[in-house]
Amino acid sequence: GNLITKEYTQSVIDMANNMDNISGFVGQNCIKDDRYINFTPGVSMSSKLDSKGQTYRTPEDVMLNGNTSVIIVGSDIYSSDNPEERVREYQETTWKLYNHNL
């Protein structure tokens, strides 16, 4: 779990609405406001859970259901036997999902 409440989230959005230098938010739930970019961490095509209890979401889930703007991938790339190929797989998968959403 986390300590972020709906009230806290709304207060952060309200604060951002009064500032000129905020371009987006990082989080599991997207802010439904076209003025902001949504960055979603914890994305993996190969794992849903790691040995430390970290849960992951698929690119399909965050892009089609979560409506994110940008996915953030970490361990699925850097722990891969071939990180360059893994990046290409993410690029191809997310490009198809992006075009599906148009």
Protein backbone atom coordinates (compact mmCIF):
# COMPACT_ATOMS: atom_id res chain seq x y z
CA GLY A 1 0.00 0.00 0.00
CA ASN A 2 0.91 3.63 0.15
CA LEU A 3 0.10 6.70 2.19
CA ILE A 4 -1.31 8.79 -0.67
CA THR A 5 -4.97 9.69 -0.25
CA LYS A 6 -7.44 11.12 -2.76
CA GLU A 7 -7.31 14.41 -0.83
CA TYR A 8 -3.52 14.55 -1.05
CA THR A 9 -3.61 13.79 -4.78
CA GLN A 10 -6.18 16.52 -5.37
CA SER A 11 -4.13 19.05 -3.38
CA VAL A 12 -1.08 18.26 -5.56
CA ILE A 13 -3.16 18.71 -8.73
CA ASP A 14 -4.55 22.00 -7.41
CA MET A 15 -1.03 23.19 -6.66
CA ALA A 16 0.15 22.19 -10.15
CA ASN A 17 -2.78 24.05 -11.72
CA ASN A 18 -1.41 27.25 -10.19
CA MET A 19 2.14 26.78 -11.47
CA ASP A 20 3.54 27.30 -14.95
CA ASN A 21 6.41 24.82 -14.77
CA ILE A 22 4.61 21.51 -14.06
CA SER A 23 4.38 19.26 -17.12
CA GLY A 24 3.14 16.02 -15.59
CA PHE A 25 2.91 13.48 -12.82
CA VAL A 26 4.54 10.15 -11.95
CA GLY A 27 2.17 7.56 -10.55
CA GLN A 28 0.15 4.40 -11.00
CA ASN A 29 -3.07 6.32 -11.60
CA CYS A 30 -3.22 8.85 -14.41
CA ILE A 31 -4.42 12.40 -13.95
CA LYS A 32 -7.26 12.91 -16.40
CA ASP A 33 -6.26 16.36 -17.61
CA ASP A 34 -4.86 17.00 -21.10
CA ARG A 35 -2.52 19.68 -19.74
CA TYR A 36 -0.36 17.04 -18.07
CA ILE A 37 1.81 14.12 -19.14
CA ASN A 38 1.36 10.92 -17.12
CA PHE A 39 4.48 8.86 -16.36
CA THR A 40 3.83 5.31 -15.09
CA PRO A 41 6.66 3.37 -13.39
CA GLY A 42 6.76 -0.33 -12.62
CA VAL A 43 6.14 -1.67 -16.12
CA SER A 44 7.31 -5.15 -17.16
CA MET A 45 6.48 -7.56 -19.96
CA SER A 46 8.01 -10.55 -18.16
CA SER A 47 7.15 -10.27 -14.48
CA LYS A 48 4.22 -9.35 -12.29
CA LEU A 49 6.08 -9.65 -8.97
CA ASP A 50 9.73 -9.66 -7.92
CA SER A 51 11.55 -11.15 -4.92
CA LYS A 52 11.17 -7.86 -2.99
CA GLY A 53 7.39 -7.68 -3.37
CA GLN A 54 7.44 -5.06 -6.14
CA THR A 55 4.44 -5.53 -8.41
CA TYR A 56 4.57 -4.73 -12.11
CA ARG A 57 1.99 -3.82 -14.73
CA THR A 58 2.12 -4.73 -18.40
CA PRO A 59 2.46 -2.13 -21.15
CA GLU A 60 -1.04 -3.14 -22.32
CA ASP A 61 -2.51 -2.46 -18.90
CA VAL A 62 -0.96 0.96 -18.41
CA MET A 63 -1.44 2.16 -21.97
CA LEU A 64 -4.90 0.78 -22.77
CA ASN A 65 -6.51 0.75 -19.32
CA GLY A 66 -4.37 3.29 -17.48
CA ASN A 67 -4.14 5.78 -20.34
CA THR A 68 -0.54 6.68 -19.53
CA SER A 69 1.61 8.96 -21.67
CA VAL A 70 5.00 7.48 -20.82
CA ILE A 71 5.96 4.10 -19.36
CA ILE A 72 8.95 3.74 -17.06
CA VAL A 73 10.75 0.40 -17.33
CA GLY A 74 13.75 -0.59 -15.25
CA SER A 75 14.66 -4.08 -14.15
CA ASP A 76 13.03 -5.88 -17.07
CA ILE A 77 15.57 -4.15 -19.32
CA TYR A 78 18.71 -4.02 -17.20
CA SER A 79 18.34 -7.62 -15.95
CA SER A 80 17.75 -8.94 -19.47
CA ASP A 81 20.36 -11.13 -21.17
CA ASN A 82 20.12 -8.74 -24.13
CA PRO A 83 19.05 -5.26 -22.97
CA GLU A 84 19.21 -3.75 -26.46
CA GLU A 85 16.82 -6.37 -27.83
CA ARG A 86 14.54 -5.94 -24.82
CA VAL A 87 14.35 -2.19 -25.46
CA ARG A 88 13.39 -2.89 -29.08
CA GLU A 89 10.63 -5.24 -27.88
CA TYR A 90 9.26 -2.49 -25.65
CA GLN A 91 9.50 0.01 -28.49
CA GLU A 92 7.56 -2.24 -30.88
CA THR A 93 4.95 -3.22 -28.31
CA THR A 94 4.29 0.29 -27.08
CA TRP A 95 4.22 1.74 -30.61
CA LYS A 96 1.48 -0.75 -31.54
CA LEU A 97 -0.44 0.13 -28.37
CA TYR A 98 -0.03 3.85 -29.02
CA ASN A 99 -1.41 3.50 -32.55
CA HIS A 100 -4.29 1.39 -31.22
CA ASN A 101 -5.26 4.29 -28.96
CA LEU A 102 -5.36 6.87 -31.77
